[in-house]
N, C-alpha and C. Protein backbone atom coordinates (compact mmCIF):
# COMPACT_ATOMS: atom_id res chain seq x y z
N MET A 1 159.15 81.90 126.90
CA MET A 1 158.83 83.06 127.40
C MET A 1 160.68 82.33 128.28
N ASN A 2 161.42 83.17 128.45
CA ASN A 2 162.74 83.04 129.75
C ASN A 2 162.50 83.13 130.94
N THR A 3 163.90 82.09 131.40
CA THR A 3 164.16 82.39 133.00
C THR A 3 164.15 83.28 133.70
N LEU A 4 164.07 84.20 133.50
CA LEU A 4 164.62 85.65 134.23
C LEU A 4 162.25 85.88 133.79
N THR A 5 162.61 85.73 132.82
CA THR A 5 160.61 86.09 133.40
C THR A 5 159.99 85.61 133.96
N ILE A 6 160.00 84.41 134.16
CA ILE A 6 159.23 82.83 135.25
C ILE A 6 160.50 83.66 136.79
N LYS A 7 161.31 83.09 137.28
CA LYS A 7 162.20 84.27 137.65
C LYS A 7 161.70 85.05 138.34
N HIS A 8 160.90 86.13 138.03
CA HIS A 8 160.90 86.86 138.33
C HIS A 8 159.73 87.68 138.92
N SER A 9 158.42 86.87 137.38
CA SER A 9 157.51 87.00 138.30
C SER A 9 157.11 85.75 139.31
N TYR A 10 157.86 84.67 139.44
CA TYR A 10 157.01 83.99 140.98
C TYR A 10 157.73 85.15 141.76
N ALA A 11 158.90 85.55 142.02
CA ALA A 11 159.49 85.97 143.14
C ALA A 11 158.25 87.15 143.27
N VAL A 12 156.94 87.75 142.87
CA VAL A 12 156.40 88.92 142.36
C VAL A 12 155.06 88.46 143.17
N TRP A 13 154.85 86.85 142.57
CA TRP A 13 154.13 86.36 142.78
C TRP A 13 153.61 85.49 144.31
N GLN A 14 154.66 84.95 144.40
CA GLN A 14 154.74 84.71 145.90
C GLN A 14 155.38 85.74 147.10
N TYR A 15 155.34 86.99 146.74
CA TYR A 15 155.51 88.20 147.87
C TYR A 15 153.74 88.44 147.65
N MET A 16 153.40 88.89 146.20
CA MET A 16 152.10 89.45 146.94
C MET A 16 151.14 88.02 147.68
N SER A 17 151.19 86.90 147.55
CA SER A 17 150.75 86.78 148.01
C SER A 17 151.17 85.83 149.59
N SER A 18 151.32 86.29 149.79
CA SER A 18 152.80 86.09 151.28
C SER A 18 151.51 85.95 152.76
N PHE A 19 150.68 87.57 152.13
CA PHE A 19 149.99 87.76 153.26
C PHE A 19 148.31 87.64 153.84
N ASP A 20 148.54 85.72 153.12
CA ASP A 20 147.47 85.40 153.28
C ASP A 20 147.74 85.14 155.37
N ALA A 21 146.78 85.20 156.00
CA ALA A 21 145.97 84.97 157.26
C ALA A 21 144.19 85.43 157.68
N PRO A 22 143.88 83.84 157.51
CA PRO A 22 142.33 83.84 157.70
C PRO A 22 141.97 84.08 158.78
N LYS A 23 141.60 84.05 159.67
CA LYS A 23 141.21 84.67 160.69
C LYS A 23 139.03 84.38 161.01
N LYS A 24 138.85 83.34 162.16
CA LYS A 24 137.77 84.30 162.66
C LYS A 24 136.74 85.34 162.82
N CYS A 25 135.37 85.52 162.25
CA CYS A 25 135.32 87.15 162.12
C CYS A 25 134.14 87.45 162.11
N ASP A 26 133.50 88.05 161.36
CA ASP A 26 131.76 88.83 161.15
C ASP A 26 131.41 87.91 160.27
N ALA A 27 132.26 88.52 159.16
CA ALA A 27 131.87 88.17 157.86
C ALA A 27 132.78 87.95 156.69
N ILE A 28 132.69 87.06 156.15
CA ILE A 28 134.32 86.60 155.01
C ILE A 28 132.91 87.22 154.09
N VAL A 29 133.96 87.53 152.46
CA VAL A 29 133.61 88.55 152.03
C VAL A 29 134.36 88.56 150.71
N VAL A 30 133.52 88.23 149.52
CA VAL A 30 134.44 87.27 148.35
C VAL A 30 134.68 88.08 147.17
N CYS A 31 136.15 88.44 146.81
CA CYS A 31 136.23 89.55 145.72
C CYS A 31 135.65 88.24 144.75
N CYS A 32 135.10 88.86 143.84
CA CYS A 32 135.24 87.88 143.23
C CYS A 32 135.92 88.62 142.67
N SER A 33 135.91 87.21 140.90
CA SER A 33 137.12 87.44 139.63
C SER A 33 136.84 85.65 138.64
N TYR A 34 137.81 86.38 137.69
CA TYR A 34 137.63 85.17 136.62
C TYR A 34 137.83 83.28 137.39
N ASP A 35 138.23 83.40 138.01
CA ASP A 35 138.66 81.84 139.14
C ASP A 35 137.95 81.50 140.13
N LEU A 36 137.58 80.70 140.27
CA LEU A 36 136.55 79.86 140.77
C LEU A 36 136.55 79.90 141.72
N ARG A 37 137.90 79.33 141.98
CA ARG A 37 138.86 78.67 143.41
C ARG A 37 138.80 79.60 143.97
N VAL A 38 138.45 80.41 144.22
CA VAL A 38 138.53 81.40 145.11
C VAL A 38 137.11 81.43 146.29
N CYS A 39 135.93 81.17 145.03
CA CYS A 39 134.74 80.58 146.06
C CYS A 39 135.00 79.37 146.34
N ASP A 40 135.50 78.32 146.45
CA ASP A 40 135.78 76.72 146.84
C ASP A 40 136.35 77.78 147.91
N HIS A 41 137.18 78.62 148.00
CA HIS A 41 138.10 78.14 149.39
C HIS A 41 137.29 79.08 150.53
N ALA A 42 136.36 80.18 149.50
CA ALA A 42 135.27 80.99 151.12
C ALA A 42 134.85 80.04 151.58
N CYS A 43 133.90 78.61 150.51
CA CYS A 43 133.06 77.98 151.42
C CYS A 43 133.99 77.23 151.79
N ASP A 44 135.50 76.54 152.57
CA ASP A 44 135.33 76.11 153.09
C ASP A 44 135.53 76.99 154.07
N LEU A 45 136.45 77.92 154.19
CA LEU A 45 137.03 78.81 155.46
C LEU A 45 135.17 78.56 156.27
N LEU A 46 133.61 78.68 155.59
CA LEU A 46 132.47 79.17 156.10
C LEU A 46 132.17 77.80 156.98
N LYS A 47 133.18 77.03 155.96
CA LYS A 47 132.22 75.35 156.25
C LYS A 47 133.57 75.12 157.88
N LYS A 48 134.26 75.32 157.74
CA LYS A 48 134.43 74.77 159.16
C LYS A 48 135.01 76.68 160.32
N GLY A 49 133.58 77.41 159.74
CA GLY A 49 133.40 78.32 161.21
C GLY A 49 134.20 79.53 161.63
N TYR A 50 135.02 80.21 160.03
CA TYR A 50 134.91 80.94 160.24
C TYR A 50 133.95 82.48 160.61
N ALA A 51 133.28 82.37 159.60
CA ALA A 51 131.82 82.65 159.79
C ALA A 51 131.26 82.80 159.63
N GLU A 52 129.49 83.20 159.72
CA GLU A 52 128.40 82.77 159.54
C GLU A 52 127.66 83.51 158.39
N THR A 53 128.38 84.47 157.42
CA THR A 53 127.84 85.60 156.70
C THR A 53 128.74 85.42 155.10
N LEU A 54 128.62 84.95 154.58
CA LEU A 54 129.40 85.17 153.17
C LEU A 54 128.80 86.20 152.24
N ILE A 55 130.13 87.22 152.48
CA ILE A 55 129.13 88.39 151.02
C ILE A 55 130.18 87.50 149.54
N ILE A 56 129.55 87.58 149.08
CA ILE A 56 129.97 87.30 147.44
C ILE A 56 129.23 88.52 146.10
N SER A 57 131.11 89.86 146.03
CA SER A 57 130.69 90.58 145.34
C SER A 57 131.11 90.09 144.13
N GLY A 58 130.70 91.17 143.30
CA GLY A 58 131.58 91.20 141.87
C GLY A 58 130.12 91.59 140.63
N GLU A 59 130.55 92.85 140.18
CA GLU A 59 129.78 92.84 138.68
C GLU A 59 129.98 92.36 137.19
N SER A 60 131.70 92.85 136.71
CA SER A 60 132.26 92.33 136.19
C SER A 60 133.65 93.27 135.91
N GLY A 61 134.34 92.28 135.24
CA GLY A 61 135.97 92.60 135.19
C GLY A 61 136.67 92.61 134.16
N ASN A 62 137.76 92.48 134.39
CA ASN A 62 138.92 92.94 132.53
C ASN A 62 138.32 91.57 131.73
N TRP A 63 138.44 90.84 132.50
CA TRP A 63 138.09 89.44 132.65
C TRP A 63 137.13 88.80 131.81
N THR A 64 136.26 88.68 132.78
CA THR A 64 135.07 88.47 133.24
C THR A 64 133.91 88.75 132.64
N LYS A 65 133.98 90.02 131.59
CA LYS A 65 132.43 90.80 130.89
C LYS A 65 132.86 90.36 130.16
N HIS A 66 134.61 89.35 129.16
CA HIS A 66 134.78 88.93 128.22
C HIS A 66 133.79 86.84 128.50
N ILE A 67 133.34 86.76 128.83
CA ILE A 67 133.50 84.60 129.42
C ILE A 67 131.80 84.77 130.07
N TRP A 68 131.52 85.47 130.54
CA TRP A 68 130.00 85.41 131.53
C TRP A 68 129.32 86.31 131.03
N SER A 69 128.19 85.67 130.85
CA SER A 69 126.44 86.61 130.69
C SER A 69 126.14 87.28 132.36
N GLU A 70 126.35 86.49 132.89
CA GLU A 70 126.34 87.06 133.83
C GLU A 70 127.19 87.65 135.04
N SER A 71 126.29 88.21 136.00
CA SER A 71 128.00 88.82 136.74
C SER A 71 128.43 87.69 137.09
N GLU A 72 129.53 88.83 137.71
CA GLU A 72 131.07 87.50 138.92
C GLU A 72 129.91 86.87 140.16
N ALA A 73 129.13 87.33 140.69
CA ALA A 73 128.39 87.33 142.03
C ALA A 73 127.53 86.63 142.06
N ILE A 74 126.89 86.39 140.39
CA ILE A 74 125.83 85.18 139.93
C ILE A 74 126.59 83.72 140.12
N ILE A 75 127.43 83.59 138.81
CA ILE A 75 127.97 83.15 138.73
C ILE A 75 128.92 82.32 140.30
N PHE A 76 129.84 82.86 140.67
CA PHE A 76 129.86 82.42 142.25
C PHE A 76 128.87 82.08 143.27
N ARG A 77 128.06 82.61 143.33
CA ARG A 77 126.51 82.00 144.63
C ARG A 77 126.06 81.03 143.20
N GLU A 78 126.23 80.68 142.46
CA GLU A 78 125.78 78.75 141.98
C GLU A 78 127.42 78.17 142.41
N ARG A 79 127.94 78.26 142.25
CA ARG A 79 129.19 78.53 142.87
C ARG A 79 129.57 77.34 144.36
N ALA A 80 129.03 78.16 144.74
CA ALA A 80 128.68 78.54 147.23
C ALA A 80 127.56 77.63 146.81
N ILE A 81 126.68 77.26 145.99
CA ILE A 81 125.31 76.34 146.73
C ILE A 81 125.43 74.84 145.91
N SER A 82 126.48 75.00 144.76
CA SER A 82 127.07 73.82 144.54
C SER A 82 128.04 72.88 145.93
N ASN A 83 128.27 73.79 146.09
CA ASN A 83 129.38 73.80 147.38
C ASN A 83 128.87 72.82 148.45
N GLY A 84 128.14 74.19 148.46
CA GLY A 84 126.73 72.97 149.99
C GLY A 84 126.56 73.79 150.57
N ILE A 85 126.72 75.52 150.45
CA ILE A 85 126.70 76.27 151.06
C ILE A 85 125.33 76.60 151.11
N ASP A 86 124.12 77.44 152.40
CA ASP A 86 123.33 77.60 153.17
C ASP A 86 122.22 79.01 152.26
N THR A 87 121.74 78.94 151.80
CA THR A 87 121.49 80.47 150.75
C THR A 87 121.63 81.21 151.51
N LYS A 88 120.72 81.02 152.95
CA LYS A 88 120.24 82.11 154.45
C LYS A 88 121.99 82.32 154.90
N LYS A 89 122.96 81.70 154.36
CA LYS A 89 124.17 82.47 154.59
C LYS A 89 124.96 83.90 154.02
N ILE A 90 124.13 83.85 152.46
CA ILE A 90 124.54 84.26 151.31
C ILE A 90 123.76 85.57 151.16
N ILE A 91 124.95 87.04 151.16
CA ILE A 91 124.74 87.51 150.75
C ILE A 91 125.04 88.12 148.86
N LEU A 92 124.11 88.89 148.26
CA LEU A 92 125.00 89.23 146.76
C LEU A 92 124.75 90.59 146.59
N GLU A 93 126.31 90.49 146.57
CA GLU A 93 126.47 92.21 146.19
C GLU A 93 126.97 92.09 144.51
N GLN A 94 126.08 92.88 143.17
CA GLN A 94 126.38 92.58 142.09
C GLN A 94 127.27 94.27 141.62
N ARG A 95 127.61 95.07 142.11
CA ARG A 95 127.52 96.45 141.53
C ARG A 95 129.77 96.21 141.10
N ALA A 96 130.40 95.93 141.82
CA ALA A 96 130.96 95.74 141.86
C ALA A 96 132.27 95.44 140.85
N THR A 97 132.87 96.82 140.24
CA THR A 97 134.00 96.66 139.36
C THR A 97 135.28 96.03 139.50
N ASN A 98 135.92 96.63 140.63
CA ASN A 98 137.13 97.21 141.03
C ASN A 98 137.65 96.13 142.55
N PHE A 99 138.24 96.35 143.20
CA PHE A 99 138.56 96.39 144.42
C PHE A 99 138.12 97.01 146.01
N GLY A 100 137.78 98.13 145.22
CA GLY A 100 137.26 99.05 146.21
C GLY A 100 136.08 99.87 146.57
N GLU A 101 135.75 98.61 144.72
CA GLU A 101 133.48 99.32 144.99
C GLU A 101 133.53 97.18 145.63
N ASN A 102 134.39 96.05 145.81
CA ASN A 102 133.96 95.16 146.49
C ASN A 102 134.14 95.92 148.11
N ILE A 103 134.79 96.46 148.86
CA ILE A 103 134.55 96.59 150.16
C ILE A 103 133.77 97.55 150.27
N ARG A 104 133.98 98.61 149.61
CA ARG A 104 132.64 99.60 149.68
C ARG A 104 131.38 99.44 150.11
N TYR A 105 130.86 98.88 148.69
CA TYR A 105 129.65 98.13 148.50
C TYR A 105 129.67 96.70 149.79
N SER A 106 130.33 96.40 150.19
CA SER A 106 130.08 95.14 150.97
C SER A 106 129.60 95.52 153.31
N ARG A 107 131.46 96.97 152.49
CA ARG A 107 131.42 98.01 153.74
C ARG A 107 129.71 98.65 153.95
N ALA A 108 128.72 98.97 152.54
CA ALA A 108 127.48 99.37 153.36
C ALA A 108 126.09 97.85 153.88
N LEU A 109 126.80 96.88 152.74
CA LEU A 109 125.48 95.90 153.74
C LEU A 109 125.95 95.23 155.22
N ILE A 110 127.24 95.14 155.99
CA ILE A 110 127.46 95.22 156.87
C ILE A 110 128.00 96.12 157.55
N PRO A 111 127.66 96.69 158.27
CA PRO A 111 128.61 98.85 158.92
C PRO A 111 128.80 98.17 160.27
N ARG A 112 128.21 96.50 161.24
CA ARG A 112 128.94 96.62 162.05
C ARG A 112 129.12 95.93 162.55
N ALA A 113 130.11 95.45 161.37
CA ALA A 113 131.32 94.46 161.35
C ALA A 113 133.01 94.75 162.26
N LYS A 114 133.01 94.51 162.70
CA LYS A 114 134.50 94.28 163.42
C LYS A 114 135.53 94.04 162.87
N THR A 115 135.20 92.29 162.24
CA THR A 115 136.78 92.05 161.49
C THR A 115 136.16 91.25 160.37
N VAL A 116 136.56 91.88 159.06
CA VAL A 116 136.36 90.54 158.17
C VAL A 116 137.27 90.23 157.26
N THR A 117 137.40 88.54 157.06
CA THR A 117 138.46 88.19 156.29
C THR A 117 137.99 87.89 154.48
N PHE A 118 139.04 88.80 153.91
CA PHE A 118 138.85 89.11 152.35
C PHE A 118 139.08 87.78 151.32
N VAL A 119 138.27 87.60 150.44
CA VAL A 119 138.92 86.21 150.18
C VAL A 119 138.99 86.13 148.48
N SER A 120 140.52 86.62 147.97
CA SER A 120 140.69 87.40 146.60
C SER A 120 141.79 86.31 146.39
N LYS A 121 141.52 85.69 144.76
CA LYS A 121 143.62 85.13 144.40
C LYS A 121 145.13 85.57 144.78
N PRO A 122 145.17 85.16 145.10
CA PRO A 122 147.06 85.03 145.85
C PRO A 122 147.71 86.03 145.20
N ASN A 123 147.91 86.51 144.02
CA ASN A 123 148.65 87.29 143.99
C ASN A 123 147.63 89.12 144.12
N SER A 124 146.58 88.95 144.77
CA SER A 124 145.55 90.41 144.53
C SER A 124 145.77 90.80 146.44
N LEU A 125 146.62 89.34 147.29
CA LEU A 125 146.35 90.05 148.55
C LEU A 125 146.58 90.81 149.01
N LEU A 126 148.15 91.31 148.76
CA LEU A 126 148.04 92.91 149.39
C LEU A 126 147.64 93.76 148.73
N ARG A 127 146.41 94.03 147.54
CA ARG A 127 146.19 94.89 147.00
C ARG A 127 144.97 95.30 147.58
N VAL A 128 144.16 93.98 147.92
CA VAL A 128 142.55 93.66 149.11
C VAL A 128 143.20 94.34 150.11
N LYS A 129 144.43 93.27 151.21
CA LYS A 129 144.39 94.22 152.16
C LYS A 129 144.57 95.75 152.38
N LEU A 130 145.18 96.59 151.47
CA LEU A 130 145.72 97.67 151.31
C LEU A 130 144.71 98.48 151.15
N THR A 131 143.94 97.91 150.30
CA THR A 131 142.49 98.79 150.18
C THR A 131 141.36 98.29 151.08
N ALA A 132 141.60 97.95 151.83
CA ALA A 132 140.25 97.87 152.63
C ALA A 132 140.94 98.53 154.09
N GLU A 133 142.62 98.62 154.26
CA GLU A 133 142.59 99.71 155.83
C GLU A 133 142.47 101.16 155.21
N ALA A 134 142.83 101.31 154.01
CA ALA A 134 141.64 102.51 153.43
C ALA A 134 140.58 103.58 153.39
N GLN A 135 140.22 101.99 152.66
CA GLN A 135 138.43 102.16 152.91
C GLN A 135 137.84 102.37 153.49
N TRP A 136 138.07 101.53 154.42
CA TRP A 136 137.22 100.78 155.69
C TRP A 136 138.07 100.34 156.47
N PRO A 137 138.61 101.88 156.60
CA PRO A 137 139.60 101.32 158.28
C PRO A 137 139.79 101.61 160.13
N GLU A 138 137.51 100.90 159.90
CA GLU A 138 137.26 101.01 161.23
C GLU A 138 137.18 99.46 161.44
N VAL A 139 137.39 98.76 160.53
CA VAL A 139 137.70 97.33 160.18
C VAL A 139 138.66 96.31 160.83
N THR A 140 139.01 95.31 160.83
CA THR A 140 140.11 94.34 160.82
C THR A 140 140.21 93.96 159.84
N ALA A 141 140.73 93.52 158.71
CA ALA A 141 140.72 93.15 158.12
C ALA A 141 142.17 92.29 157.64
N TYR A 142 141.29 90.55 157.11
CA TYR A 142 142.19 89.90 157.06
C TYR A 142 142.23 89.81 155.70
N VAL A 143 143.01 88.87 154.72
CA VAL A 143 142.85 88.21 153.94
C VAL A 143 143.59 86.62 153.12
N THR A 144 143.22 85.75 152.60
CA THR A 144 143.71 85.20 152.14
C THR A 144 142.69 84.52 150.92
N SER A 145 143.67 83.43 150.07
CA SER A 145 143.16 82.91 149.04
C SER A 145 143.64 81.48 148.93
N PRO A 146 142.93 80.42 147.52
CA PRO A 146 143.08 79.42 147.67
C PRO A 146 144.73 78.92 147.31
N ASN A 147 145.24 78.15 147.62
CA ASN A 147 146.63 77.65 147.11
C ASN A 147 147.13 76.71 146.24
N ILE A 148 147.27 78.33 145.37
CA ILE A 148 147.16 78.68 144.07
C ILE A 148 149.47 78.14 143.59
N GLU A 149 150.16 77.41 143.44
CA GLU A 149 151.03 78.01 142.85
C GLU A 149 151.72 78.85 141.82
N PHE A 150 152.24 78.78 141.49
CA PHE A 150 152.88 79.66 139.86
C PHE A 150 154.22 79.24 139.89
N PRO A 151 153.99 78.98 138.32
CA PRO A 151 153.11 79.03 137.00
C PRO A 151 152.10 78.01 136.74
N ASN A 152 152.40 76.84 137.89
CA ASN A 152 152.22 75.63 136.77
C ASN A 152 150.16 75.47 137.60
N ASP A 153 149.41 76.34 138.43
CA ASP A 153 148.44 76.60 138.77
C ASP A 153 147.57 77.85 138.36
N ILE A 154 147.85 78.01 137.13
CA ILE A 154 147.78 79.17 136.88
C ILE A 154 146.25 79.16 135.60
N SER A 155 145.14 80.01 136.41
CA SER A 155 143.83 79.40 135.76
C SER A 155 144.11 80.00 134.13
N ASN A 156 143.66 78.85 133.15
CA ASN A 156 143.39 79.00 132.17
C ASN A 156 142.97 80.22 130.88
N ILE A 157 142.09 79.99 131.92
CA ILE A 157 141.37 82.23 131.66
C ILE A 157 141.92 83.04 131.12
N VAL A 158 142.95 83.15 131.70
CA VAL A 158 143.80 83.83 131.28
C VAL A 158 145.50 84.31 131.22
N GLY A 159 145.96 82.67 131.83
CA GLY A 159 146.97 81.95 131.37
C GLY A 159 148.64 82.47 131.70
N ILE A 160 149.15 81.92 131.81
CA ILE A 160 150.67 82.73 132.39
C ILE A 160 150.57 84.19 131.80
N LEU A 161 150.59 84.40 130.79
CA LEU A 161 151.45 85.62 130.31
C LEU A 161 150.42 86.58 131.05
N GLY A 162 148.65 86.26 130.92
CA GLY A 162 147.97 87.39 131.66
C GLY A 162 148.15 87.51 133.27
N VAL A 163 148.32 86.67 133.55
CA VAL A 163 148.85 87.15 135.09
C VAL A 163 150.21 87.87 135.38
N ILE A 164 150.83 87.50 135.06
CA ILE A 164 151.40 88.34 134.78
C ILE A 164 151.35 89.66 134.36
N ASN A 165 150.64 90.44 133.65
CA ASN A 165 150.40 91.35 133.23
C ASN A 165 149.53 92.33 134.38
N GLU A 166 148.94 91.59 134.87
CA GLU A 166 147.79 91.69 136.08
C GLU A 166 148.75 92.21 137.27
N MET A 167 149.86 91.15 138.00
CA MET A 167 150.62 91.71 138.36
C MET A 167 151.75 92.59 138.29
N VAL A 168 152.23 92.87 136.93
CA VAL A 168 152.73 93.93 137.02
C VAL A 168 151.57 95.33 137.69
N GLY A 169 150.65 95.15 137.18
CA GLY A 169 149.75 96.36 136.79
C GLY A 169 149.31 96.33 138.32
N ASP A 170 149.33 95.93 139.42
CA ASP A 170 149.36 96.18 140.41
C ASP A 170 150.11 96.57 141.36
N ILE A 171 151.62 96.45 140.68
CA ILE A 171 152.64 96.75 141.53
C ILE A 171 152.82 98.50 141.07
N GLN A 172 152.11 98.21 139.98
CA GLN A 172 151.88 99.95 140.04
C GLN A 172 150.92 100.24 140.55
N ARG A 173 149.83 99.96 140.87
CA ARG A 173 148.41 100.24 141.39
C ARG A 173 149.00 100.72 143.43
N ILE A 174 149.61 99.51 143.78
CA ILE A 174 150.37 100.17 144.76
C ILE A 174 150.78 100.64 145.40
N GLN A 175 152.01 101.86 144.35
CA GLN A 175 152.56 102.73 144.46
C GLN A 175 152.24 104.05 144.38
N GLN A 176 151.17 103.54 143.20
CA GLN A 176 150.39 105.17 142.87
C GLN A 176 148.79 105.43 143.73
N TYR A 177 148.22 104.35 143.96
CA TYR A 177 147.08 104.64 145.03
C TYR A 177 147.24 105.61 145.96
N PRO A 178 148.33 105.21 147.21
CA PRO A 178 148.26 105.32 148.59
C PRO A 178 148.27 107.72 148.47
N LYS A 179 148.05 107.93 147.22
CA LYS A 179 148.68 109.59 146.67
C LYS A 179 146.52 109.88 146.86
N MET A 180 146.37 109.27 146.10
CA MET A 180 144.67 109.38 146.32
C MET A 180 143.78 108.53 146.54
N GLY A 181 144.52 107.73 148.25
CA GLY A 181 143.03 107.47 148.63
C GLY A 181 142.71 106.64 148.63
N TYR A 182 142.89 105.81 147.76
CA TYR A 182 142.60 104.55 147.53
C TYR A 182 143.17 102.98 148.28
N GLN A 183 144.08 103.53 148.65
CA GLN A 183 145.08 102.59 149.33
C GLN A 183 145.68 103.41 150.47
N ALA A 184 145.89 102.46 151.80
CA ALA A 184 146.78 102.26 152.32
C ALA A 184 148.53 102.10 151.82
N PRO A 185 149.57 103.39 151.73
CA PRO A 185 151.00 103.42 152.01
C PRO A 185 151.16 101.59 151.69
N HIS A 186 152.41 101.04 151.24
CA HIS A 186 153.32 99.87 151.00
C HIS A 186 154.51 100.06 151.19
N LYS A 187 155.15 99.94 151.75
CA LYS A 187 157.10 100.61 150.64
C LYS A 187 157.46 98.23 150.42
N LEU A 188 157.27 98.82 149.24
CA LEU A 188 157.81 97.25 148.36
C LEU A 188 159.47 97.09 148.54
N PRO A 189 159.86 96.02 149.40
CA PRO A 189 160.97 95.84 148.75
C PRO A 189 161.40 95.70 147.30
N GLU A 190 163.13 96.30 147.16
CA GLU A 190 164.08 96.57 146.12
C GLU A 190 164.20 95.24 145.29
N THR A 191 163.48 94.24 145.39
CA THR A 191 164.24 93.60 144.71
C THR A 191 162.88 92.66 144.24
N ILE A 192 160.88 93.76 144.80
CA ILE A 192 160.24 93.31 143.76
C ILE A 192 159.81 94.23 142.86
N LEU A 193 160.47 95.65 143.41
CA LEU A 193 161.00 96.81 142.81
C LEU A 193 161.92 96.79 141.47
N SER A 194 162.45 96.22 141.28
CA SER A 194 163.17 95.10 140.55
C SER A 194 162.83 94.55 138.91
N ALA A 195 162.19 93.43 140.08
CA ALA A 195 161.11 92.42 139.10
C ALA A 195 160.50 93.43 138.77
N TRP A 196 159.90 93.66 139.15
CA TRP A 196 159.02 94.55 138.14
C TRP A 196 159.34 95.91 137.04
N HIS A 197 160.44 95.75 137.07
CA HIS A 197 161.07 96.68 135.99
C HIS A 197 161.84 96.12 134.90
N TYR A 198 161.82 94.89 135.74
CA TYR A 198 162.50 93.95 134.50
C TYR A 198 161.35 93.02 133.99
N LEU A 199 160.61 93.00 134.23
CA LEU A 199 159.21 92.04 133.71
C LEU A 199 158.14 93.22 132.49
N ILE A 200 159.01 94.16 133.79
CA ILE A 200 158.23 95.62 132.49
C ILE A 200 158.48 95.89 130.59
N THR A 201 160.04 95.80 131.04
CA THR A 201 161.02 95.70 130.40
C THR A 201 160.99 94.98 128.55
N GLN A 202 159.94 93.71 129.68
CA GLN A 202 159.48 92.76 128.14
C GLN A 202 158.36 92.90 128.32
N GLY A 203 157.85 93.70 127.97
CA GLY A 203 156.86 93.65 127.29
C GLY A 203 155.33 93.61 127.99
N PHE A 204 155.62 93.49 129.42
CA PHE A 204 153.81 93.33 130.05
C PHE A 204 153.25 94.43 131.01
N THR A 205 152.41 95.35 129.51
CA THR A 205 152.45 96.13 130.23
C THR A 205 150.67 96.36 129.81
N GLU A 206 150.43 95.24 129.83
CA GLU A 206 149.42 95.64 129.84
C GLU A 206 148.46 96.00 130.34
N HIS A 207 148.10 96.02 131.63
CA HIS A 207 147.46 96.81 133.56
C HIS A 207 148.28 98.05 133.20
N LEU A 208 149.23 97.97 132.85
CA LEU A 208 149.73 99.20 133.32
C LEU A 208 149.23 100.51 132.40
N GLN A 209 148.21 101.04 133.58
CA GLN A 209 147.49 102.35 133.70
C GLN A 209 148.16 104.11 133.92
N LEU A 210 147.50 104.74 132.51
CA LEU A 210 148.16 106.45 132.25
C LEU A 210 146.53 106.88 133.48
N ASN A 211 145.98 106.63 132.88
CA ASN A 211 144.36 107.57 134.37
C ASN A 211 144.37 106.25 135.37
N SER A 212 144.71 106.33 136.50
CA SER A 212 144.68 106.03 137.48
C SER A 212 143.49 105.76 138.67
N SER A 213 142.26 106.92 138.02
CA SER A 213 141.04 106.77 138.26
C SER A 213 140.12 105.90 137.85
N GLN A 214 140.84 104.71 137.51
CA GLN A 214 139.75 103.28 137.41
C GLN A 214 140.82 102.52 138.38
N ASP A 215 139.30 101.45 137.63
CA ASP A 215 140.17 100.05 139.16
C ASP A 215 140.46 100.38 140.57
N LYS A 216 139.66 101.00 141.01
CA LYS A 216 140.09 101.65 142.25
C LYS A 216 140.41 100.48 143.54
């Protein structure tokens, strides 16, 4: 992988993860994924008193349907219990297959919540924030992630190439989804758009989609 690819990927990673701002809130919602460090971070927040309720949301996604026989939520729940979280504080949501569903199904479980902190991977924070603003507008949404650095700390499950493909797809969705009502509008800096275009020219197109009705 050439130096420019790493440089532009790092710029996108840094931007997408820069919206980290956990707050004390009514509930913490974990947007499950292939990275169990997301669960660990959510558990740390709960232990520190950021909230009393932990919603673990996820059925399966592009990666996890190939690596786990049980839902993401079940796997993350086991991790939370191993982290010492009382099962009485955990609410399980096992239907969500994308961020929109993470948010909509969690909303149905805690409809009276006024403030929620969503926990996800660093490179997903902006998308989660924009999705929450569009699909749960009456709640004040915060986002946070574990401290994972690119490229050294990337999960071995997907690897650096997989994460770059994932980020390229996310930048596309940030531009397209507001028109469909899936996410709130967001103006991406020209430097990030330039990095995104470069990564596409290098062949990182696996998570780009022609049919944007998927992965809301």
